[in-house]
Amino acid sequence: MTNQPQTTFLARPNQGRIAYDLRGNGPLVVLVPGMGEIRSTYRFLVPSLVAAGYSVATTDLRGHGDSDAAFTSYGDVDTAGDIAALIGELGRPAVVVGNSMAAGAAVIVAAEHPDLVSGLVLVGPFVRNPQANAALTLMFRIMMARPWAAAAWKAYMPTLYAGAKPADFVEYRDAAIAAMKRPGYARAFSLTTRTDHAPAEALLGSVTAPTLIVMGEQDPDFADQRGEADWIGTALGGEVVMVPDAGYYPHSQQPAVTASAIVDFLSRAAHRA
């Protein structure tokens, strides 16, 4: 995107800083990436939301991108605290768009701070721990451990983009990997991979915000993509949109379809507010 805004930093007491950008005018939408991703994962979605009349904040997870890597803890609960603090800093309720583990964090914020969250968009969402055997979980954690975390994620990332890849995929991937190679960031990423989604699952019944679930039809992290999306939709009373020819990142793999679904949802959610 051209005319990038200046990066702003939100200090978290006695911990570190969270990086974010803010563009546009209107109701607030906060975009939060999943682990291993940087905030430019939303590079195609932001212009559509701004053009539709929204203020859009894109933020990096702690230990990712331009956020600090000096935090002592990482994961869904920590990310939820960062999202709540950012919305508080920006001074008005927001629709939170969360991908992967950030979807679990968004659920926690919506349940614990309903005054801050006017809606949820959960993309490729992990809101409960996956049903995986202990050996596979251990192998993944070993793969994503230091000192080979950056190399392993570089090799693994293309598999998550099942279906169409954005034209600038290699450029984006290289930027994400370069960020991870800085001192302290591979450690932060490795710790993030150990997050527990049980706190999010426990709070699903407490969420009252209108919710949209967006799932790629080829998302490789779910054996039954539609089944998982429908389960989440039922738990949250939300809508489900399945995106064809997309894996874990429909917002960058099929941005036109994803943006259209999100803008339509935002318009209807505003009328319900």
C-alpha atoms as a PDB file:
ATOM      1  CA  MET A   1       0.000   0.000   0.000  1.00  0.00           C
ATOM      2  CA  THR A   2       1.184   3.524  -0.635  1.00  0.00           C
ATOM      3  CA  ASN A   3       1.042   6.432   1.799  1.00  0.00           C
ATOM      4  CA  GLN A   4       1.653   4.210   4.802  1.00  0.00           C
ATOM      5  CA  PRO A   5       0.874   5.940   8.111  1.00  0.00           C
ATOM      6  CA  GLN A   6       3.572   6.414  10.687  1.00  0.00           C
ATOM      7  CA  THR A   7       3.852   3.509  13.111  1.00  0.00           C
ATOM      8  CA  THR A   8       2.619   4.292  16.616  1.00  0.00           C
ATOM      9  CA  PHE A   9       3.575   2.384  19.750  1.00  0.00           C
ATOM     10  CA  LEU A  10       1.354   1.506  22.687  1.00  0.00           C
ATOM     11  CA  ALA A  11       3.322   0.937  25.893  1.00  0.00           C
ATOM     12  CA  ARG A  12       2.193  -1.971  28.034  1.00  0.00           C
ATOM     13  CA  PRO A  13       3.128  -1.333  31.703  1.00  0.00           C
ATOM     14  CA  ASN A  14       6.451  -2.890  32.702  1.00  0.00           C
ATOM     15  CA  GLN A  15       6.460  -5.124  29.626  1.00  0.00           C
ATOM     16  CA  GLY A  16       7.036  -3.617  26.188  1.00  0.00           C
ATOM     17  CA  ARG A  17       5.397  -1.824  23.287  1.00  0.00           C
ATOM     18  CA  ILE A  18       2.811  -2.909  20.749  1.00  0.00           C
ATOM     19  CA  ALA A  19       3.115  -1.430  17.247  1.00  0.00           C
ATOM     20  CA  TYR A  20       0.087  -0.281  15.292  1.00  0.00           C
ATOM     21  CA  ASP A  21      -0.974   1.873  12.346  1.00  0.00           C
ATOM     22  CA  LEU A  22      -4.184   3.880  12.023  1.00  0.00           C
ATOM     23  CA  ARG A  23      -5.837   4.920   8.777  1.00  0.00           C
ATOM     24  CA  GLY A  24      -9.190   6.320   7.713  1.00  0.00           C
ATOM     25  CA  ASN A  25     -12.117   7.966   9.447  1.00  0.00           C
ATOM     26  CA  GLY A  26     -15.292   6.530  10.895  1.00  0.00           C
ATOM     27  CA  PRO A  27     -16.211   3.602  13.151  1.00  0.00           C
ATOM     28  CA  LEU A  28     -13.184   1.718  14.415  1.00  0.00           C
ATOM     29  CA  VAL A  29     -12.008  -1.677  13.146  1.00  0.00           C
ATOM     30  CA  VAL A  30      -8.938  -3.323  14.719  1.00  0.00           C
ATOM     31  CA  LEU A  31      -7.091  -5.943  12.654  1.00  0.00           C
ATOM     32  CA  VAL A  32      -4.931  -8.462  14.530  1.00  0.00           C
ATOM     33  CA  PRO A  33      -2.750 -11.075  12.752  1.00  0.00           C
ATOM     34  CA  GLY A  34      -2.074 -14.645  13.757  1.00  0.00           C
ATOM     35  CA  MET A  35       1.231 -15.994  15.015  1.00  0.00           C
ATOM     36  CA  GLY A  36       4.143 -15.779  12.600  1.00  0.00           C
ATOM     37  CA  GLU A  37       2.370 -13.046  10.638  1.00  0.00           C
ATOM     38  CA  ILE A  38       2.967  -9.300  10.569  1.00  0.00           C
ATOM     39  CA  ARG A  39       0.346  -6.604  10.312  1.00  0.00           C
ATOM     40  CA  SER A  40       0.842  -6.154   6.565  1.00  0.00           C
ATOM     41  CA  THR A  41      -0.979  -9.482   6.193  1.00  0.00           C
ATOM     42  CA  TYR A  42      -4.010  -7.142   6.013  1.00  0.00           C
ATOM     43  CA  ARG A  43      -2.474  -5.004   3.226  1.00  0.00           C
ATOM     44  CA  PHE A  44      -5.315  -5.808   0.816  1.00  0.00           C
ATOM     45  CA  LEU A  45      -8.164  -5.537   3.330  1.00  0.00           C
ATOM     46  CA  VAL A  46      -7.260  -2.135   4.806  1.00  0.00           C
ATOM     47  CA  PRO A  47      -7.947  -0.049   1.649  1.00  0.00           C
ATOM     48  CA  SER A  48     -11.374  -1.646   1.229  1.00  0.00           C
ATOM     49  CA  LEU A  49     -12.343  -0.890   4.833  1.00  0.00           C
ATOM     50  CA  VAL A  50     -11.052   2.680   4.633  1.00  0.00           C
ATOM     51  CA  ALA A  51     -12.934   3.222   1.370  1.00  0.00           C
ATOM     52  CA  ALA A  52     -16.084   1.906   3.049  1.00  0.00           C
ATOM     53  CA  GLY A  53     -15.815   4.620   5.719  1.00  0.00           C
ATOM     54  CA  TYR A  54     -13.989   2.994   8.624  1.00  0.00           C
ATOM     55  CA  SER A  55     -11.011   3.892  10.786  1.00  0.00           C
ATOM     56  CA  VAL A  56      -8.690   0.905  10.608  1.00  0.00           C
ATOM     57  CA  ALA A  57      -5.976   0.044  13.127  1.00  0.00           C
ATOM     58  CA  THR A  58      -3.576  -2.759  12.180  1.00  0.00           C
ATOM     59  CA  THR A  59      -1.423  -4.092  14.986  1.00  0.00           C
ATOM     60  CA  ASP A  60       1.450  -6.537  15.406  1.00  0.00           C
ATOM     61  CA  LEU A  61       1.334  -9.262  18.030  1.00  0.00           C
ATOM     62  CA  ARG A  62       3.828  -8.921  20.844  1.00  0.00           C
ATOM     63  CA  GLY A  63       7.145 -10.360  19.690  1.00  0.00           C
ATOM     64  CA  HIS A  64       6.193  -9.926  16.014  1.00  0.00           C
ATOM     65  CA  GLY A  65       6.812  -7.231  13.406  1.00  0.00           C
ATOM     66  CA  ASP A  66       7.514  -3.846  14.967  1.00  0.00           C
ATOM     67  CA  SER A  67       6.210  -4.779  18.425  1.00  0.00           C
ATOM     68  CA  ASP A  68       8.789  -5.477  21.121  1.00  0.00           C
ATOM     69  CA  ALA A  69      10.080  -8.972  21.853  1.00  0.00           C
ATOM     70  CA  ALA A  70      10.930  -8.339  25.503  1.00  0.00           C
ATOM     71  CA  PHE A  71       7.615  -9.565  26.919  1.00  0.00           C
ATOM     72  CA  THR A  72       7.644 -12.315  29.510  1.00  0.00           C
ATOM     73  CA  SER A  73       4.509 -14.064  28.257  1.00  0.00           C
ATOM     74  CA  TYR A  74       2.724 -14.602  24.947  1.00  0.00           C
ATOM     75  CA  GLY A  75      -0.538 -16.133  23.763  1.00  0.00           C
ATOM     76  CA  ASP A  76      -4.299 -15.663  23.579  1.00  0.00           C
ATOM     77  CA  VAL A  77      -4.779 -14.129  27.025  1.00  0.00           C
ATOM     78  CA  ASP A  78      -1.836 -11.746  26.626  1.00  0.00           C
ATOM     79  CA  THR A  79      -2.982 -10.723  23.159  1.00  0.00           C
ATOM     80  CA  ALA A  80      -6.490 -10.088  24.511  1.00  0.00           C
ATOM     81  CA  GLY A  81      -5.005  -7.692  27.051  1.00  0.00           C
ATOM     82  CA  ASP A  82      -3.114  -5.885  24.290  1.00  0.00           C
ATOM     83  CA  ILE A  83      -6.238  -5.585  22.129  1.00  0.00           C
ATOM     84  CA  ALA A  84      -8.277  -4.191  25.027  1.00  0.00           C
ATOM     85  CA  ALA A  85      -5.520  -1.696  25.825  1.00  0.00           C
ATOM     86  CA  LEU A  86      -5.316  -0.578  22.190  1.00  0.00           C
ATOM     87  CA  ILE A  87      -9.080  -0.059  21.904  1.00  0.00           C
ATOM     88  CA  GLY A  88      -8.950   1.899  25.148  1.00  0.00           C
ATOM     89  CA  GLU A  89      -6.109   4.007  23.777  1.00  0.00           C
ATOM     90  CA  LEU A  90      -8.081   4.776  20.615  1.00  0.00           C
ATOM     91  CA  GLY A  91     -11.033   5.840  22.728  1.00  0.00           C
ATOM     92  CA  ARG A  92     -14.047   4.104  21.207  1.00  0.00           C
ATOM     93  CA  PRO A  93     -15.463   0.606  20.747  1.00  0.00           C
ATOM     94  CA  ALA A  94     -14.211  -1.445  17.833  1.00  0.00           C
ATOM     95  CA  VAL A  95     -15.019  -4.383  15.652  1.00  0.00           C
ATOM     96  CA  VAL A  96     -12.088  -6.756  16.157  1.00  0.00           C
ATOM     97  CA  VAL A  97     -10.867  -8.817  13.207  1.00  0.00           C
ATOM     98  CA  GLY A  98      -8.652 -11.653  14.438  1.00  0.00           C
ATOM     99  CA  ASN A  99      -6.898 -14.351  12.430  1.00  0.00           C
ATOM    100  CA  SER A 100      -5.842 -17.711  13.902  1.00  0.00           C
ATOM    101  CA  MET A 101      -4.934 -17.330  17.607  1.00  0.00           C
ATOM    102  CA  ALA A 102      -5.945 -13.656  17.445  1.00  0.00           C
ATOM    103  CA  ALA A 103      -9.510 -14.898  16.951  1.00  0.00           C
ATOM    104  CA  GLY A 104      -9.287 -16.615  20.333  1.00  0.00           C
ATOM    105  CA  ALA A 105      -7.908 -13.414  21.836  1.00  0.00           C
ATOM    106  CA  ALA A 106     -10.748 -11.421  20.280  1.00  0.00           C
ATOM    107  CA  VAL A 107     -13.295 -13.777  21.863  1.00  0.00           C
ATOM    108  CA  ILE A 108     -11.707 -13.187  25.281  1.00  0.00           C
ATOM    109  CA  VAL A 109     -11.867  -9.398  24.863  1.00  0.00           C
ATOM    110  CA  ALA A 110     -15.490  -9.512  23.706  1.00  0.00           C
ATOM    111  CA  ALA A 111     -16.495 -11.687  26.674  1.00  0.00           C
ATOM    112  CA  GLU A 112     -14.576  -9.772  29.335  1.00  0.00           C
ATOM    113  CA  HIS A 113     -14.994  -6.230  27.954  1.00  0.00           C
ATOM    114  CA  PRO A 114     -18.285  -6.138  26.014  1.00  0.00           C
ATOM    115  CA  ASP A 115     -18.267  -2.346  26.171  1.00  0.00           C
ATOM    116  CA  LEU A 116     -15.106  -2.296  24.034  1.00  0.00           C
ATOM    117  CA  VAL A 117     -16.200  -4.700  21.279  1.00  0.00           C
ATOM    118  CA  SER A 118     -19.024  -3.860  18.886  1.00  0.00           C
ATOM    119  CA  GLY A 119     -18.459  -6.908  16.693  1.00  0.00           C
ATOM    120  CA  LEU A 120     -16.133  -9.806  15.888  1.00  0.00           C
ATOM    121  CA  VAL A 121     -14.754 -11.106  12.603  1.00  0.00           C
ATOM    122  CA  LEU A 122     -12.919 -14.390  13.181  1.00  0.00           C
ATOM    123  CA  VAL A 123     -10.738 -15.491  10.257  1.00  0.00           C
ATOM    124  CA  GLY A 124      -9.367 -19.043  10.163  1.00  0.00           C
ATOM    125  CA  PRO A 125     -10.148 -19.023  13.877  1.00  0.00           C
ATOM    126  CA  PHE A 126      -8.642 -21.036  16.678  1.00  0.00           C
ATOM    127  CA  VAL A 127     -11.067 -20.603  19.569  1.00  0.00           C
ATOM    128  CA  ARG A 128     -10.449 -24.065  21.032  1.00  0.00           C
ATOM    129  CA  ASN A 129      -7.467 -26.378  21.146  1.00  0.00           C
ATOM    130  CA  PRO A 130      -7.214 -28.612  18.064  1.00  0.00           C
ATOM    131  CA  GLN A 131      -7.634 -32.339  18.344  1.00  0.00           C
ATOM    132  CA  ALA A 132      -4.063 -33.396  17.628  1.00  0.00           C
ATOM    133  CA  ASN A 133      -2.054 -36.239  19.072  1.00  0.00           C
ATOM    134  CA  ALA A 134       0.708 -35.439  21.532  1.00  0.00           C
ATOM    135  CA  ALA A 135       3.481 -36.600  19.175  1.00  0.00           C
ATOM    136  CA  LEU A 136       2.418 -34.195  16.399  1.00  0.00           C
ATOM    137  CA  THR A 137       2.113 -31.321  18.861  1.00  0.00           C
ATOM    138  CA  LEU A 138       5.581 -32.020  20.238  1.00  0.00           C
ATOM    139  CA  MET A 139       7.045 -32.275  16.726  1.00  0.00           C
ATOM    140  CA  PHE A 140       5.543 -28.901  15.751  1.00  0.00           C
ATOM    141  CA  ARG A 141       6.956 -27.251  18.854  1.00  0.00           C
ATOM    142  CA  ILE A 142      10.400 -28.701  18.145  1.00  0.00           C
ATOM    143  CA  MET A 143      10.207 -27.478  14.543  1.00  0.00           C
ATOM    144  CA  MET A 144       9.331 -23.960  15.677  1.00  0.00           C
ATOM    145  CA  ALA A 145      11.934 -23.787  18.441  1.00  0.00           C
ATOM    146  CA  ARG A 146      15.154 -21.815  18.347  1.00  0.00           C
ATOM    147  CA  PRO A 147      17.555 -21.658  16.558  1.00  0.00           C
ATOM    148  CA  TRP A 148      15.717 -22.930  13.470  1.00  0.00           C
ATOM    149  CA  ALA A 149      12.336 -21.229  14.037  1.00  0.00           C
ATOM    150  CA  ALA A 150      12.689 -18.720  11.191  1.00  0.00           C
ATOM    151  CA  ALA A 151      13.838 -21.330   8.666  1.00  0.00           C
ATOM    152  CA  ALA A 152      11.122 -23.766   9.722  1.00  0.00           C
ATOM    153  CA  TRP A 153       8.382 -21.132   9.503  1.00  0.00           C
ATOM    154  CA  LYS A 154       9.650 -19.995   6.078  1.00  0.00           C
ATOM    155  CA  ALA A 155       9.288 -23.571   4.826  1.00  0.00           C
ATOM    156  CA  TYR A 156       5.943 -24.147   6.579  1.00  0.00           C
ATOM    157  CA  MET A 157       4.221 -20.880   5.675  1.00  0.00           C
ATOM    158  CA  PRO A 158       3.491 -21.731   1.998  1.00  0.00           C
ATOM    159  CA  THR A 159       1.485 -24.794   3.098  1.00  0.00           C
ATOM    160  CA  LEU A 160      -0.896 -22.505   4.986  1.00  0.00           C
ATOM    161  CA  TYR A 161      -1.593 -20.613   1.760  1.00  0.00           C
ATOM    162  CA  ALA A 162      -3.370 -23.593   0.173  1.00  0.00           C
ATOM    163  CA  GLY A 163      -5.263 -22.422  -2.877  1.00  0.00           C
ATOM    164  CA  ALA A 164      -4.394 -19.105  -4.485  1.00  0.00           C
ATOM    165  CA  LYS A 165      -1.364 -17.193  -3.267  1.00  0.00           C
ATOM    166  CA  PRO A 166      -1.174 -13.391  -3.434  1.00  0.00           C
ATOM    167  CA  ALA A 167       1.037 -12.081  -6.229  1.00  0.00           C
ATOM    168  CA  ASP A 168       3.428 -10.582  -3.678  1.00  0.00           C
ATOM    169  CA  PHE A 169       3.584 -13.686  -1.478  1.00  0.00           C
ATOM    170  CA  VAL A 170       7.368 -14.091  -1.690  1.00  0.00           C
ATOM    171  CA  GLU A 171       7.939 -10.436  -0.813  1.00  0.00           C
ATOM    172  CA  TYR A 172       5.558 -10.634   2.140  1.00  0.00           C
ATOM    173  CA  ARG A 173       7.009 -13.929   3.388  1.00  0.00           C
ATOM    174  CA  ASP A 174      10.545 -12.552   3.219  1.00  0.00           C
ATOM    175  CA  ALA A 175       9.506  -9.499   5.274  1.00  0.00           C
ATOM    176  CA  ALA A 176       7.895 -11.702   7.931  1.00  0.00           C
ATOM    177  CA  ILE A 177      10.958 -13.954   8.119  1.00  0.00           C
ATOM    178  CA  ALA A 178      13.362 -11.003   8.252  1.00  0.00           C
ATOM    179  CA  ALA A 179      11.420  -9.638  11.214  1.00  0.00           C
ATOM    180  CA  MET A 180      11.659 -13.017  12.959  1.00  0.00           C
ATOM    181  CA  LYS A 181      15.429 -13.206  12.477  1.00  0.00           C
ATOM    182  CA  ARG A 182      16.098 -10.171  14.683  1.00  0.00           C
ATOM    183  CA  PRO A 183      17.501 -10.840  18.166  1.00  0.00           C
ATOM    184  CA  GLY A 184      14.830 -12.101  20.548  1.00  0.00           C
ATOM    185  CA  TYR A 185      12.057 -12.505  17.990  1.00  0.00           C
ATOM    186  CA  ALA A 186      12.514 -16.218  17.262  1.00  0.00           C
ATOM    187  CA  ARG A 187      12.229 -16.865  21.005  1.00  0.00           C
ATOM    188  CA  ALA A 188       9.031 -14.793  21.173  1.00  0.00           C
ATOM    189  CA  PHE A 189       7.579 -16.664  18.201  1.00  0.00           C
ATOM    190  CA  SER A 190       8.437 -20.038  19.731  1.00  0.00           C
ATOM    191  CA  LEU A 191       6.716 -19.075  22.968  1.00  0.00           C
ATOM    192  CA  THR A 192       3.680 -17.855  21.027  1.00  0.00           C
ATOM    193  CA  THR A 193       3.285 -21.278  19.382  1.00  0.00           C
ATOM    194  CA  ARG A 194       2.610 -22.739  22.842  1.00  0.00           C
ATOM    195  CA  THR A 195      -0.533 -20.698  23.432  1.00  0.00           C
ATOM    196  CA  ASP A 196      -3.559 -22.365  25.000  1.00  0.00           C
ATOM    197  CA  HIS A 197      -6.973 -21.732  23.426  1.00  0.00           C
ATOM    198  CA  ALA A 198      -8.924 -23.196  26.365  1.00  0.00           C
ATOM    199  CA  PRO A 199      -9.547 -19.752  27.928  1.00  0.00           C
ATOM    200  CA  ALA A 200     -11.234 -18.620  24.707  1.00  0.00           C
ATOM    201  CA  GLU A 201     -13.392 -21.743  24.468  1.00  0.00           C
ATOM    202  CA  ALA A 202     -14.513 -21.308  28.073  1.00  0.00           C
ATOM    203  CA  LEU A 203     -15.803 -17.814  27.276  1.00  0.00           C
ATOM    204  CA  LEU A 204     -17.653 -18.502  24.017  1.00  0.00           C
ATOM    205  CA  GLY A 205     -21.008 -18.545  25.785  1.00  0.00           C
ATOM    206  CA  SER A 206     -20.375 -15.104  27.282  1.00  0.00           C
ATOM    207  CA  VAL A 207     -19.932 -13.274  23.955  1.00  0.00           C
ATOM    208  CA  THR A 208     -22.850 -11.067  22.945  1.00  0.00           C
ATOM    209  CA  ALA A 209     -21.241  -9.132  20.073  1.00  0.00           C
ATOM    210  CA  PRO A 210     -22.421  -9.923  16.532  1.00  0.00           C
ATOM    211  CA  THR A 211     -19.927 -12.283  14.923  1.00  0.00           C
ATOM    212  CA  LEU A 212     -18.792 -13.292  11.449  1.00  0.00           C
ATOM    213  CA  ILE A 213     -16.669 -16.416  10.895  1.00  0.00           C
ATOM    214  CA  VAL A 214     -14.578 -16.426   7.709  1.00  0.00           C
ATOM    215  CA  MET A 215     -12.952 -19.732   6.762  1.00  0.00           C
ATOM    216  CA  GLY A 216     -10.949 -20.740   3.712  1.00  0.00           C
ATOM    217  CA  GLU A 217     -12.371 -23.862   2.111  1.00  0.00           C
ATOM    218  CA  GLN A 218      -8.834 -25.294   1.882  1.00  0.00           C
ATOM    219  CA  ASP A 219      -7.610 -24.222   5.327  1.00  0.00           C
ATOM    220  CA  PRO A 220      -5.011 -26.927   6.098  1.00  0.00           C
ATOM    221  CA  ASP A 221      -5.255 -26.535   9.867  1.00  0.00           C
ATOM    222  CA  PHE A 222      -8.753 -28.039   9.957  1.00  0.00           C
ATOM    223  CA  ALA A 223      -9.709 -31.488   8.675  1.00  0.00           C
ATOM    224  CA  ASP A 224     -13.339 -30.336   8.346  1.00  0.00           C
ATOM    225  CA  GLN A 225     -13.240 -26.626   7.588  1.00  0.00           C
ATOM    226  CA  ARG A 226     -16.991 -26.196   7.236  1.00  0.00           C
ATOM    227  CA  GLY A 227     -17.664 -28.272  10.323  1.00  0.00           C
ATOM    228  CA  GLU A 228     -15.321 -26.167  12.463  1.00  0.00           C
ATOM    229  CA  ALA A 229     -16.726 -22.902  11.105  1.00  0.00           C
ATOM    230  CA  ASP A 230     -20.304 -24.051  11.750  1.00  0.00           C
ATOM    231  CA  TRP A 231     -19.395 -25.193  15.285  1.00  0.00           C
ATOM    232  CA  ILE A 232     -17.988 -21.753  16.069  1.00  0.00           C
ATOM    233  CA  GLY A 233     -20.953 -20.073  14.409  1.00  0.00           C
ATOM    234  CA  THR A 234     -23.360 -22.068  16.556  1.00  0.00           C
ATOM    235  CA  ALA A 235     -21.389 -21.368  19.745  1.00  0.00           C
ATOM    236  CA  LEU A 236     -21.401 -17.622  19.069  1.00  0.00           C
ATOM    237  CA  GLY A 237     -24.692 -17.248  17.224  1.00  0.00           C
ATOM    238  CA  GLY A 238     -22.641 -15.959  14.304  1.00  0.00           C
ATOM    239  CA  GLU A 239     -22.685 -15.996  10.530  1.00  0.00           C
ATOM    240  CA  VAL A 240     -20.345 -18.186   8.476  1.00  0.00           C
ATOM    241  CA  VAL A 241     -18.714 -17.351   5.153  1.00  0.00           C
ATOM    242  CA  MET A 242     -16.647 -20.012   3.385  1.00  0.00           C
ATOM    243  CA  VAL A 243     -14.070 -18.634   0.941  1.00  0.00           C
ATOM    244  CA  PRO A 244     -13.182 -20.823  -2.066  1.00  0.00           C
ATOM    245  CA  ASP A 245      -9.597 -21.300  -3.282  1.00  0.00           C
ATOM    246  CA  ALA A 246      -8.209 -20.051   0.026  1.00  0.00           C
ATOM    247  CA  GLY A 247      -6.389 -21.603   2.946  1.00  0.00           C
ATOM    248  CA  TYR A 248      -5.541 -20.023   6.273  1.00  0.00           C
ATOM    249  CA  TYR A 249      -5.410 -16.426   5.022  1.00  0.00           C
ATOM    250  CA  PRO A 250      -8.499 -15.608   2.924  1.00  0.00           C
ATOM    251  CA  HIS A 251      -7.984 -11.893   3.624  1.00  0.00           C
ATOM    252  CA  SER A 252      -4.833 -11.954   1.474  1.00  0.00           C
ATOM    253  CA  GLN A 253      -5.580 -14.943  -0.776  1.00  0.00           C
ATOM    254  CA  GLN A 254      -9.080 -13.860  -1.829  1.00  0.00           C
ATOM    255  CA  PRO A 255      -9.209 -10.224  -0.678  1.00  0.00           C
ATOM    256  CA  ALA A 256     -12.144  -9.121  -2.835  1.00  0.00           C
ATOM    257  CA  VAL A 257     -14.442 -11.897  -1.596  1.00  0.00           C
ATOM    258  CA  THR A 258     -13.298 -11.483   2.005  1.00  0.00           C
ATOM    259  CA  ALA A 259     -13.546  -7.689   2.016  1.00  0.00           C
ATOM    260  CA  SER A 260     -17.038  -7.799   0.519  1.00  0.00           C
ATOM    261  CA  ALA A 261     -18.224 -10.222   3.211  1.00  0.00           C
ATOM    262  CA  ILE A 262     -16.680  -8.164   6.014  1.00  0.00           C
ATOM    263  CA  VAL A 263     -17.976  -4.793   4.772  1.00  0.00           C
ATOM    264  CA  ASP A 264     -21.474  -6.245   4.402  1.00  0.00           C
ATOM    265  CA  PHE A 265     -21.285  -7.673   7.919  1.00  0.00           C
ATOM    266  CA  LEU A 266     -20.015  -4.375   9.364  1.00  0.00           C
ATOM    267  CA  SER A 267     -22.901  -2.485   7.764  1.00  0.00           C
ATOM    268  CA  ARG A 268     -25.485  -4.861   9.209  1.00  0.00           C
ATOM    269  CA  ALA A 269     -23.773  -5.049  12.598  1.00  0.00           C
ATOM    270  CA  ALA A 270     -23.893  -1.263  12.855  1.00  0.00           C
ATOM    271  CA  HIS A 271     -27.651  -1.314  12.346  1.00  0.00           C
ATOM    272  CA  ARG A 272     -28.005  -3.873  15.143  1.00  0.00           C
ATOM    273  CA  ALA A 273     -25.878  -1.835  17.564  1.00  0.00           C
END
